[in-house]
Amino acid sequence: MFRNTYDSDNTVFSPQGRLHQVEYALEAVKQGSAAVGLRSKTHSVLLALKRSTGELASYQQKMFRIDDHVGIAIAGLTSDARVLSNFMRQQAMSSKMAFNRPIPVNRLVSAIADKAQVNTQEYGRRPYGVGFLVIGQDKSGPHLYEFSPSGNSYEYYAMSIGARSQSAKTYLEKHYESFADCSLEDLIKHGLHALRETLQQDKDLNVNNTSIGIVGAPSMHENTTGVSFRMLEGETIKPFLDTMVPKDVPATAPAPAATADEDVQMTE
């Protein structure tokens, strides 16, 4: 990405048919910490990696509850996410007031996509610098959607957004065929493994930097009976972290240093 003649505002197409300001907004999403979403026939789950700005700071909130049946995970500018999440809550409340029923998940995602599209077409506005993974459950079952600043939204079986999300996508693409019949515990374990792929080599998932969002019947590790959206953080996610399979030991691990009293062992 670099500055050129056609990126001064978002209403000018380049000769290649590109809107550079919109592409820059998509790059802002890639700067945020990773989030992973998966769904089965009975559940939808979100997993997010939280960041801290320093030793004295708390961890950033990565998930927001929109309604009893909908929740989101974000990647990008948190301030933009706050504005859009408030808009989604207003849409959900308006639907409940007008029709006395929860808003369908696809209609809610379409509403924020339409709102974001306006900022890619009108002069004097900038695109939102945040992407969402939206999970929800309605009469047609569990859902997982991705929303991007370009105004596009897609439904997925599994998806990842944020920094180093391609590593998580690679894991999800290898295992997604088994997700439909997974139990909630197995679905979360797959999500944790995918989220771990986005970490640097010297980092690992723990109760402080991981958030889990669930829509559907509770697992054996939860102290609830409801099926509405809920967020698990802190010590409540430790039972799920304990189910993770440790990473394989690298094949090129250095040989232990030989002491003065033993011979050096040659490796093949």
C-alpha atoms as a PDB file:
ATOM      1  CA  MET A   1       0.000   0.000   0.000  1.00  0.00           C
ATOM      2  CA  PHE A   2       1.326   3.428  -0.915  1.00  0.00           C
ATOM      3  CA  ARG A   3      -0.027   6.869  -1.656  1.00  0.00           C
ATOM      4  CA  ASN A   4      -1.015   7.666  -5.248  1.00  0.00           C
ATOM      5  CA  THR A   5      -3.072  10.178  -7.216  1.00  0.00           C
ATOM      6  CA  TYR A   6      -6.379   8.375  -6.717  1.00  0.00           C
ATOM      7  CA  ASP A   7      -6.486   7.831  -2.954  1.00  0.00           C
ATOM      8  CA  SER A   8      -7.302  11.369  -1.779  1.00  0.00           C
ATOM      9  CA  ASP A   9     -10.980  10.519  -1.209  1.00  0.00           C
ATOM     10  CA  ASN A  10     -13.253   7.516  -1.434  1.00  0.00           C
ATOM     11  CA  THR A  11     -15.421   8.693  -4.341  1.00  0.00           C
ATOM     12  CA  VAL A  12     -12.718   8.520  -7.039  1.00  0.00           C
ATOM     13  CA  PHE A  13     -12.021   5.297  -8.906  1.00  0.00           C
ATOM     14  CA  SER A  14      -8.486   4.555 -10.038  1.00  0.00           C
ATOM     15  CA  PRO A  15      -7.932   3.579 -13.689  1.00  0.00           C
ATOM     16  CA  GLN A  16      -7.855  -0.046 -12.499  1.00  0.00           C
ATOM     17  CA  GLY A  17     -11.348   0.321 -11.022  1.00  0.00           C
ATOM     18  CA  ARG A  18     -10.200   0.378  -7.381  1.00  0.00           C
ATOM     19  CA  LEU A  19     -11.291   2.522  -4.448  1.00  0.00           C
ATOM     20  CA  HIS A  20      -8.044   2.959  -2.531  1.00  0.00           C
ATOM     21  CA  GLN A  21      -9.571   4.467   0.610  1.00  0.00           C
ATOM     22  CA  VAL A  22     -11.805   1.410   0.958  1.00  0.00           C
ATOM     23  CA  GLU A  23      -8.784  -0.853   0.522  1.00  0.00           C
ATOM     24  CA  TYR A  24      -6.945   1.089   3.217  1.00  0.00           C
ATOM     25  CA  ALA A  25      -9.902   0.505   5.546  1.00  0.00           C
ATOM     26  CA  LEU A  26      -9.633  -3.226   4.861  1.00  0.00           C
ATOM     27  CA  GLU A  27      -5.960  -2.985   5.832  1.00  0.00           C
ATOM     28  CA  ALA A  28      -7.012  -1.432   9.161  1.00  0.00           C
ATOM     29  CA  VAL A  29      -8.982  -4.609   9.899  1.00  0.00           C
ATOM     30  CA  LYS A  30      -5.823  -6.657   9.346  1.00  0.00           C
ATOM     31  CA  GLN A  31      -4.042  -4.612  12.028  1.00  0.00           C
ATOM     32  CA  GLY A  32      -6.466  -5.723  14.734  1.00  0.00           C
ATOM     33  CA  SER A  33      -5.937  -8.836  16.840  1.00  0.00           C
ATOM     34  CA  ALA A  34      -7.419 -12.020  15.432  1.00  0.00           C
ATOM     35  CA  ALA A  35     -10.955 -13.335  15.844  1.00  0.00           C
ATOM     36  CA  VAL A  36     -12.285 -16.733  14.788  1.00  0.00           C
ATOM     37  CA  GLY A  37     -15.867 -17.861  14.226  1.00  0.00           C
ATOM     38  CA  LEU A  38     -17.325 -21.347  13.667  1.00  0.00           C
ATOM     39  CA  ARG A  39     -20.771 -22.880  13.477  1.00  0.00           C
ATOM     40  CA  SER A  40     -22.295 -26.335  13.665  1.00  0.00           C
ATOM     41  CA  LYS A  41     -25.866 -27.563  13.249  1.00  0.00           C
ATOM     42  CA  THR A  42     -26.664 -26.536  16.824  1.00  0.00           C
ATOM     43  CA  HIS A  43     -24.176 -23.832  17.900  1.00  0.00           C
ATOM     44  CA  SER A  44     -22.259 -20.789  16.747  1.00  0.00           C
ATOM     45  CA  VAL A  45     -19.087 -19.746  18.576  1.00  0.00           C
ATOM     46  CA  LEU A  46     -16.645 -16.844  18.498  1.00  0.00           C
ATOM     47  CA  LEU A  47     -13.089 -16.824  19.826  1.00  0.00           C
ATOM     48  CA  ALA A  48     -11.019 -13.668  20.039  1.00  0.00           C
ATOM     49  CA  LEU A  49      -7.488 -12.742  21.015  1.00  0.00           C
ATOM     50  CA  LYS A  50      -7.371  -9.737  23.336  1.00  0.00           C
ATOM     51  CA  ARG A  51      -4.509  -7.243  23.369  1.00  0.00           C
ATOM     52  CA  SER A  52      -3.146  -5.096  26.152  1.00  0.00           C
ATOM     53  CA  THR A  53      -1.421  -1.783  25.502  1.00  0.00           C
ATOM     54  CA  GLY A  54       1.005  -2.360  28.372  1.00  0.00           C
ATOM     55  CA  GLU A  55       1.690  -4.025  31.685  1.00  0.00           C
ATOM     56  CA  LEU A  56      -0.479  -1.480  33.544  1.00  0.00           C
ATOM     57  CA  ALA A  57      -3.424  -1.618  31.135  1.00  0.00           C
ATOM     58  CA  SER A  58      -6.383  -3.967  31.008  1.00  0.00           C
ATOM     59  CA  TYR A  59      -7.101  -6.123  27.975  1.00  0.00           C
ATOM     60  CA  GLN A  60      -9.153  -4.700  25.110  1.00  0.00           C
ATOM     61  CA  GLN A  61     -12.762  -5.825  24.830  1.00  0.00           C
ATOM     62  CA  LYS A  62     -13.160  -7.858  21.650  1.00  0.00           C
ATOM     63  CA  MET A  63     -16.771  -9.016  21.883  1.00  0.00           C
ATOM     64  CA  PHE A  64     -20.079  -7.199  22.218  1.00  0.00           C
ATOM     65  CA  ARG A  65     -23.536  -8.508  23.005  1.00  0.00           C
ATOM     66  CA  ILE A  66     -26.106  -7.115  20.551  1.00  0.00           C
ATOM     67  CA  ASP A  67     -29.258  -8.996  21.570  1.00  0.00           C
ATOM     68  CA  ASP A  68     -30.187 -12.216  23.326  1.00  0.00           C
ATOM     69  CA  HIS A  69     -29.561 -14.134  20.099  1.00  0.00           C
ATOM     70  CA  VAL A  70     -26.725 -12.134  18.479  1.00  0.00           C
ATOM     71  CA  GLY A  71     -23.117 -11.291  19.391  1.00  0.00           C
ATOM     72  CA  ILE A  72     -20.090  -9.936  17.536  1.00  0.00           C
ATOM     73  CA  ALA A  73     -16.295 -10.112  17.618  1.00  0.00           C
ATOM     74  CA  ILE A  74     -14.309  -7.195  16.199  1.00  0.00           C
ATOM     75  CA  ALA A  75     -10.974  -6.565  14.496  1.00  0.00           C
ATOM     76  CA  GLY A  76      -9.825  -3.019  13.775  1.00  0.00           C
ATOM     77  CA  LEU A  77     -10.723   0.344  15.320  1.00  0.00           C
ATOM     78  CA  THR A  78     -12.572  -0.195  18.589  1.00  0.00           C
ATOM     79  CA  SER A  79     -14.178   3.263  18.447  1.00  0.00           C
ATOM     80  CA  ASP A  80     -15.795   2.469  15.088  1.00  0.00           C
ATOM     81  CA  ALA A  81     -16.935  -0.879  16.479  1.00  0.00           C
ATOM     82  CA  ARG A  82     -18.633   0.875  19.387  1.00  0.00           C
ATOM     83  CA  VAL A  83     -20.620   3.099  17.035  1.00  0.00           C
ATOM     84  CA  LEU A  84     -21.680   0.238  14.775  1.00  0.00           C
ATOM     85  CA  SER A  85     -22.568  -2.050  17.682  1.00  0.00           C
ATOM     86  CA  ASN A  86     -24.833   0.656  19.112  1.00  0.00           C
ATOM     87  CA  PHE A  87     -26.510   0.937  15.698  1.00  0.00           C
ATOM     88  CA  MET A  88     -27.042  -2.831  15.648  1.00  0.00           C
ATOM     89  CA  ARG A  89     -28.612  -2.697  19.110  1.00  0.00           C
ATOM     90  CA  GLN A  90     -30.989   0.027  17.917  1.00  0.00           C
ATOM     91  CA  GLN A  91     -32.011  -2.097  14.938  1.00  0.00           C
ATOM     92  CA  ALA A  92     -32.604  -5.122  17.176  1.00  0.00           C
ATOM     93  CA  MET A  93     -34.651  -3.036  19.617  1.00  0.00           C
ATOM     94  CA  SER A  94     -36.717  -1.471  16.822  1.00  0.00           C
ATOM     95  CA  SER A  95     -37.555  -4.896  15.402  1.00  0.00           C
ATOM     96  CA  LYS A  96     -38.647  -6.163  18.798  1.00  0.00           C
ATOM     97  CA  MET A  97     -40.803  -3.080  19.406  1.00  0.00           C
ATOM     98  CA  ALA A  98     -42.418  -3.105  15.947  1.00  0.00           C
ATOM     99  CA  PHE A  99     -42.858  -6.835  15.299  1.00  0.00           C
ATOM    100  CA  ASN A 100     -42.608  -8.347  18.801  1.00  0.00           C
ATOM    101  CA  ARG A 101     -39.933 -10.819  17.684  1.00  0.00           C
ATOM    102  CA  PRO A 102     -36.135 -10.946  17.533  1.00  0.00           C
ATOM    103  CA  ILE A 103     -34.647  -9.534  14.351  1.00  0.00           C
ATOM    104  CA  PRO A 104     -33.418 -12.187  11.860  1.00  0.00           C
ATOM    105  CA  VAL A 105     -29.626 -12.340  11.854  1.00  0.00           C
ATOM    106  CA  ASN A 106     -29.265 -11.830   8.089  1.00  0.00           C
ATOM    107  CA  ARG A 107     -31.410  -8.692   8.211  1.00  0.00           C
ATOM    108  CA  LEU A 108     -29.299  -7.237  11.005  1.00  0.00           C
ATOM    109  CA  VAL A 109     -26.073  -7.894   9.091  1.00  0.00           C
ATOM    110  CA  SER A 110     -27.573  -6.385   5.943  1.00  0.00           C
ATOM    111  CA  ALA A 111     -28.473  -3.238   7.902  1.00  0.00           C
ATOM    112  CA  ILE A 112     -24.877  -2.541   8.983  1.00  0.00           C
ATOM    113  CA  ALA A 113     -23.590  -3.471   5.526  1.00  0.00           C
ATOM    114  CA  ASP A 114     -25.910  -0.859   4.007  1.00  0.00           C
ATOM    115  CA  LYS A 115     -24.736   1.693   6.569  1.00  0.00           C
ATOM    116  CA  ALA A 116     -21.080   0.986   5.760  1.00  0.00           C
ATOM    117  CA  GLN A 117     -21.698   1.160   2.006  1.00  0.00           C
ATOM    118  CA  VAL A 118     -22.874   4.769   2.279  1.00  0.00           C
ATOM    119  CA  ASN A 119     -19.441   5.742   3.587  1.00  0.00           C
ATOM    120  CA  THR A 120     -17.813   4.311   0.460  1.00  0.00           C
ATOM    121  CA  GLN A 121     -19.913   6.443  -1.910  1.00  0.00           C
ATOM    122  CA  GLU A 122     -20.556   9.848  -0.353  1.00  0.00           C
ATOM    123  CA  TYR A 123     -17.970  12.608  -0.368  1.00  0.00           C
ATOM    124  CA  GLY A 124     -16.695  13.817   3.017  1.00  0.00           C
ATOM    125  CA  ARG A 125     -17.052  10.472   4.789  1.00  0.00           C
ATOM    126  CA  ARG A 126     -14.493   7.800   5.518  1.00  0.00           C
ATOM    127  CA  PRO A 127     -15.107   4.047   5.529  1.00  0.00           C
ATOM    128  CA  TYR A 128     -15.344   2.342   8.898  1.00  0.00           C
ATOM    129  CA  GLY A 129     -12.030   0.834   9.934  1.00  0.00           C
ATOM    130  CA  VAL A 130     -13.403  -2.277  11.604  1.00  0.00           C
ATOM    131  CA  GLY A 131     -14.549  -5.749  10.598  1.00  0.00           C
ATOM    132  CA  PHE A 132     -17.038  -7.984  12.427  1.00  0.00           C
ATOM    133  CA  LEU A 133     -17.709 -11.651  12.844  1.00  0.00           C
ATOM    134  CA  VAL A 134     -21.403 -11.936  13.728  1.00  0.00           C
ATOM    135  CA  ILE A 135     -22.956 -15.054  15.242  1.00  0.00           C
ATOM    136  CA  GLY A 136     -26.606 -15.581  15.977  1.00  0.00           C
ATOM    137  CA  GLN A 137     -29.450 -18.035  16.084  1.00  0.00           C
ATOM    138  CA  ASP A 138     -32.972 -17.682  14.711  1.00  0.00           C
ATOM    139  CA  LYS A 139     -35.710 -19.929  13.340  1.00  0.00           C
ATOM    140  CA  SER A 140     -33.444 -21.124  10.519  1.00  0.00           C
ATOM    141  CA  GLY A 141     -30.704 -22.222  12.925  1.00  0.00           C
ATOM    142  CA  PRO A 142     -27.242 -20.924  13.910  1.00  0.00           C
ATOM    143  CA  HIS A 143     -25.448 -18.432  11.667  1.00  0.00           C
ATOM    144  CA  LEU A 144     -21.992 -16.944  11.182  1.00  0.00           C
ATOM    145  CA  TYR A 145     -21.446 -13.812   9.078  1.00  0.00           C
ATOM    146  CA  GLU A 146     -18.471 -11.652   8.226  1.00  0.00           C
ATOM    147  CA  PHE A 147     -18.937  -7.896   7.770  1.00  0.00           C
ATOM    148  CA  SER A 148     -16.220  -5.767   6.151  1.00  0.00           C
ATOM    149  CA  PRO A 149     -15.803  -1.950   5.784  1.00  0.00           C
ATOM    150  CA  SER A 150     -16.457  -2.224   2.038  1.00  0.00           C
ATOM    151  CA  GLY A 151     -20.121  -2.907   2.815  1.00  0.00           C
ATOM    152  CA  ASN A 152     -19.920  -6.604   1.920  1.00  0.00           C
ATOM    153  CA  SER A 153     -21.223  -9.375   4.130  1.00  0.00           C
ATOM    154  CA  TYR A 154     -20.978 -13.129   3.668  1.00  0.00           C
ATOM    155  CA  GLU A 155     -22.171 -16.186   5.558  1.00  0.00           C
ATOM    156  CA  TYR A 156     -19.576 -18.820   6.455  1.00  0.00           C
ATOM    157  CA  TYR A 157     -19.163 -22.220   8.066  1.00  0.00           C
ATOM    158  CA  ALA A 158     -15.974 -20.871   9.669  1.00  0.00           C
ATOM    159  CA  MET A 159     -14.001 -17.649   9.268  1.00  0.00           C
ATOM    160  CA  SER A 160     -11.121 -15.659  10.722  1.00  0.00           C
ATOM    161  CA  ILE A 161     -10.293 -11.941  10.565  1.00  0.00           C
ATOM    162  CA  GLY A 162      -7.517  -9.757  11.953  1.00  0.00           C
ATOM    163  CA  ALA A 163      -3.737 -10.015  12.166  1.00  0.00           C
ATOM    164  CA  ARG A 164      -2.227 -13.258  10.830  1.00  0.00           C
ATOM    165  CA  SER A 165      -5.738 -14.562  10.182  1.00  0.00           C
ATOM    166  CA  GLN A 166      -4.580 -16.514   7.121  1.00  0.00           C
ATOM    167  CA  SER A 167      -2.906 -19.073   9.398  1.00  0.00           C
ATOM    168  CA  ALA A 168      -6.211 -19.636  11.176  1.00  0.00           C
ATOM    169  CA  LYS A 169      -8.071 -19.888   7.848  1.00  0.00           C
ATOM    170  CA  THR A 170      -5.667 -22.602   6.731  1.00  0.00           C
ATOM    171  CA  TYR A 171      -6.507 -24.644   9.837  1.00  0.00           C
ATOM    172  CA  LEU A 172     -10.251 -24.054   9.382  1.00  0.00           C
ATOM    173  CA  GLU A 173     -10.151 -25.077   5.716  1.00  0.00           C
ATOM    174  CA  LYS A 174      -8.536 -28.387   6.675  1.00  0.00           C
ATOM    175  CA  HIS A 175     -11.182 -29.273   9.273  1.00  0.00           C
ATOM    176  CA  TYR A 176     -14.393 -27.422   8.352  1.00  0.00           C
ATOM    177  CA  GLU A 177     -16.163 -30.526   6.999  1.00  0.00           C
ATOM    178  CA  SER A 178     -16.343 -31.962  10.516  1.00  0.00           C
ATOM    179  CA  PHE A 179     -17.739 -28.812  12.145  1.00  0.00           C
ATOM    180  CA  ALA A 180     -21.409 -29.461  11.284  1.00  0.00           C
ATOM    181  CA  ASP A 181     -21.670 -32.510  13.561  1.00  0.00           C
ATOM    182  CA  CYS A 182     -19.320 -31.298  16.313  1.00  0.00           C
ATOM    183  CA  SER A 183     -20.389 -30.934  19.918  1.00  0.00           C
ATOM    184  CA  LEU A 184     -19.953 -27.529  21.519  1.00  0.00           C
ATOM    185  CA  GLU A 185     -16.798 -28.637  23.334  1.00  0.00           C
ATOM    186  CA  ASP A 186     -15.192 -29.926  20.118  1.00  0.00           C
ATOM    187  CA  LEU A 187     -16.235 -26.809  18.208  1.00  0.00           C
ATOM    188  CA  ILE A 188     -14.564 -24.561  20.790  1.00  0.00           C
ATOM    189  CA  LYS A 189     -11.450 -26.762  20.767  1.00  0.00           C
ATOM    190  CA  HIS A 190     -11.179 -26.373  16.987  1.00  0.00           C
ATOM    191  CA  GLY A 191     -11.621 -22.627  17.402  1.00  0.00           C
ATOM    192  CA  LEU A 192      -8.888 -22.421  20.017  1.00  0.00           C
ATOM    193  CA  HIS A 193      -6.504 -24.393  17.800  1.00  0.00           C
ATOM    194  CA  ALA A 194      -7.249 -22.024  14.899  1.00  0.00           C
ATOM    195  CA  LEU A 195      -6.787 -18.963  17.111  1.00  0.00           C
ATOM    196  CA  ARG A 196      -3.476 -20.332  18.385  1.00  0.00           C
ATOM    197  CA  GLU A 197      -2.187 -20.388  14.806  1.00  0.00           C
ATOM    198  CA  THR A 198      -2.333 -16.564  14.733  1.00  0.00           C
ATOM    199  CA  LEU A 199       0.015 -16.176  17.703  1.00  0.00           C
ATOM    200  CA  GLN A 200       3.705 -15.435  17.577  1.00  0.00           C
ATOM    201  CA  GLN A 201       5.990 -18.346  18.368  1.00  0.00           C
ATOM    202  CA  ASP A 202       6.713 -17.236  21.944  1.00  0.00           C
ATOM    203  CA  LYS A 203       3.060 -16.579  22.856  1.00  0.00           C
ATOM    204  CA  ASP A 204       0.267 -18.862  23.967  1.00  0.00           C
ATOM    205  CA  LEU A 205      -3.420 -18.641  24.783  1.00  0.00           C
ATOM    206  CA  ASN A 206      -4.352 -18.090  28.427  1.00  0.00           C
ATOM    207  CA  VAL A 207      -7.320 -16.981  30.526  1.00  0.00           C
ATOM    208  CA  ASN A 208      -6.321 -13.326  30.233  1.00  0.00           C
ATOM    209  CA  ASN A 209      -5.921 -12.911  26.465  1.00  0.00           C
ATOM    210  CA  THR A 210      -8.772 -15.133  25.217  1.00  0.00           C
ATOM    211  CA  SER A 211     -12.525 -14.537  24.949  1.00  0.00           C
ATOM    212  CA  ILE A 212     -15.196 -17.030  23.915  1.00  0.00           C
ATOM    213  CA  GLY A 213     -18.711 -16.192  22.731  1.00  0.00           C
ATOM    214  CA  ILE A 214     -21.428 -18.856  22.398  1.00  0.00           C
ATOM    215  CA  VAL A 215     -24.947 -19.061  21.007  1.00  0.00           C
ATOM    216  CA  GLY A 216     -26.755 -22.325  21.710  1.00  0.00           C
ATOM    217  CA  ALA A 217     -27.245 -24.861  24.472  1.00  0.00           C
ATOM    218  CA  PRO A 218     -24.660 -24.648  27.283  1.00  0.00           C
ATOM    219  CA  SER A 219     -21.726 -27.003  27.652  1.00  0.00           C
ATOM    220  CA  MET A 220     -20.914 -29.143  30.673  1.00  0.00           C
ATOM    221  CA  HIS A 221     -18.435 -26.469  31.832  1.00  0.00           C
ATOM    222  CA  GLU A 222     -21.024 -23.668  32.058  1.00  0.00           C
ATOM    223  CA  ASN A 223     -23.219 -22.769  34.997  1.00  0.00           C
ATOM    224  CA  THR A 224     -26.218 -21.714  32.929  1.00  0.00           C
ATOM    225  CA  THR A 225     -29.260 -23.275  31.291  1.00  0.00           C
ATOM    226  CA  GLY A 226     -30.020 -20.587  28.698  1.00  0.00           C
ATOM    227  CA  VAL A 227     -29.267 -20.687  24.973  1.00  0.00           C
ATOM    228  CA  SER A 228     -28.801 -16.931  24.487  1.00  0.00           C
ATOM    229  CA  PHE A 229     -25.506 -15.277  23.554  1.00  0.00           C
ATOM    230  CA  ARG A 230     -22.974 -15.250  26.367  1.00  0.00           C
ATOM    231  CA  MET A 231     -19.320 -14.331  26.709  1.00  0.00           C
ATOM    232  CA  LEU A 232     -16.841 -16.423  28.662  1.00  0.00           C
ATOM    233  CA  GLU A 233     -13.693 -14.770  30.008  1.00  0.00           C
ATOM    234  CA  GLY A 234     -11.192 -15.276  32.787  1.00  0.00           C
ATOM    235  CA  GLU A 235     -11.199 -18.509  34.763  1.00  0.00           C
ATOM    236  CA  THR A 236     -14.435 -19.697  33.119  1.00  0.00           C
ATOM    237  CA  ILE A 237     -12.535 -20.559  29.921  1.00  0.00           C
ATOM    238  CA  LYS A 238      -9.793 -22.559  31.656  1.00  0.00           C
ATOM    239  CA  PRO A 239     -11.622 -25.923  31.222  1.00  0.00           C
ATOM    240  CA  PHE A 240     -11.726 -25.292  27.456  1.00  0.00           C
ATOM    241  CA  LEU A 241      -8.047 -24.298  27.308  1.00  0.00           C
ATOM    242  CA  ASP A 242      -7.143 -27.498  29.146  1.00  0.00           C
ATOM    243  CA  THR A 243      -8.675 -29.585  26.329  1.00  0.00           C
ATOM    244  CA  MET A 244      -6.257 -28.191  23.717  1.00  0.00           C
ATOM    245  CA  VAL A 245      -3.743 -30.526  22.132  1.00  0.00           C
ATOM    246  CA  PRO A 246      -0.192 -29.227  22.695  1.00  0.00           C
ATOM    247  CA  LYS A 247       1.721 -28.051  19.668  1.00  0.00           C
ATOM    248  CA  ASP A 248       4.039 -30.605  18.100  1.00  0.00           C
ATOM    249  CA  VAL A 249       7.672 -30.348  19.112  1.00  0.00           C
ATOM    250  CA  PRO A 250       9.580 -28.889  16.141  1.00  0.00           C
ATOM    251  CA  ALA A 251      11.473 -31.518  14.173  1.00  0.00           C
ATOM    252  CA  THR A 252      14.554 -29.313  14.046  1.00  0.00           C
ATOM    253  CA  ALA A 253      14.855 -28.883  17.792  1.00  0.00           C
ATOM    254  CA  PRO A 254      18.478 -28.216  18.758  1.00  0.00           C
ATOM    255  CA  ALA A 255      20.390 -31.105  20.309  1.00  0.00           C
ATOM    256  CA  PRO A 256      21.229 -30.725  24.012  1.00  0.00           C
ATOM    257  CA  ALA A 257      24.668 -29.332  24.700  1.00  0.00           C
ATOM    258  CA  ALA A 258      27.260 -31.991  25.550  1.00  0.00           C
ATOM    259  CA  THR A 259      29.014 -31.834  28.893  1.00  0.00           C
ATOM    260  CA  ALA A 260      32.680 -32.460  29.421  1.00  0.00           C
ATOM    261  CA  ASP A 261      32.033 -36.029  30.616  1.00  0.00           C
ATOM    262  CA  GLU A 262      30.011 -37.310  27.650  1.00  0.00           C
ATOM    263  CA  ASP A 263      30.544 -37.758  23.940  1.00  0.00           C
ATOM    264  CA  VAL A 264      28.773 -35.573  21.393  1.00  0.00           C
ATOM    265  CA  GLN A 265      25.852 -37.473  19.835  1.00  0.00           C
ATOM    266  CA  MET A 266      25.537 -37.088  16.062  1.00  0.00           C
ATOM    267  CA  THR A 267      21.993 -36.638  14.719  1.00  0.00           C
ATOM    268  CA  GLU A 268      20.946 -37.979  11.356  1.00  0.00           C
END
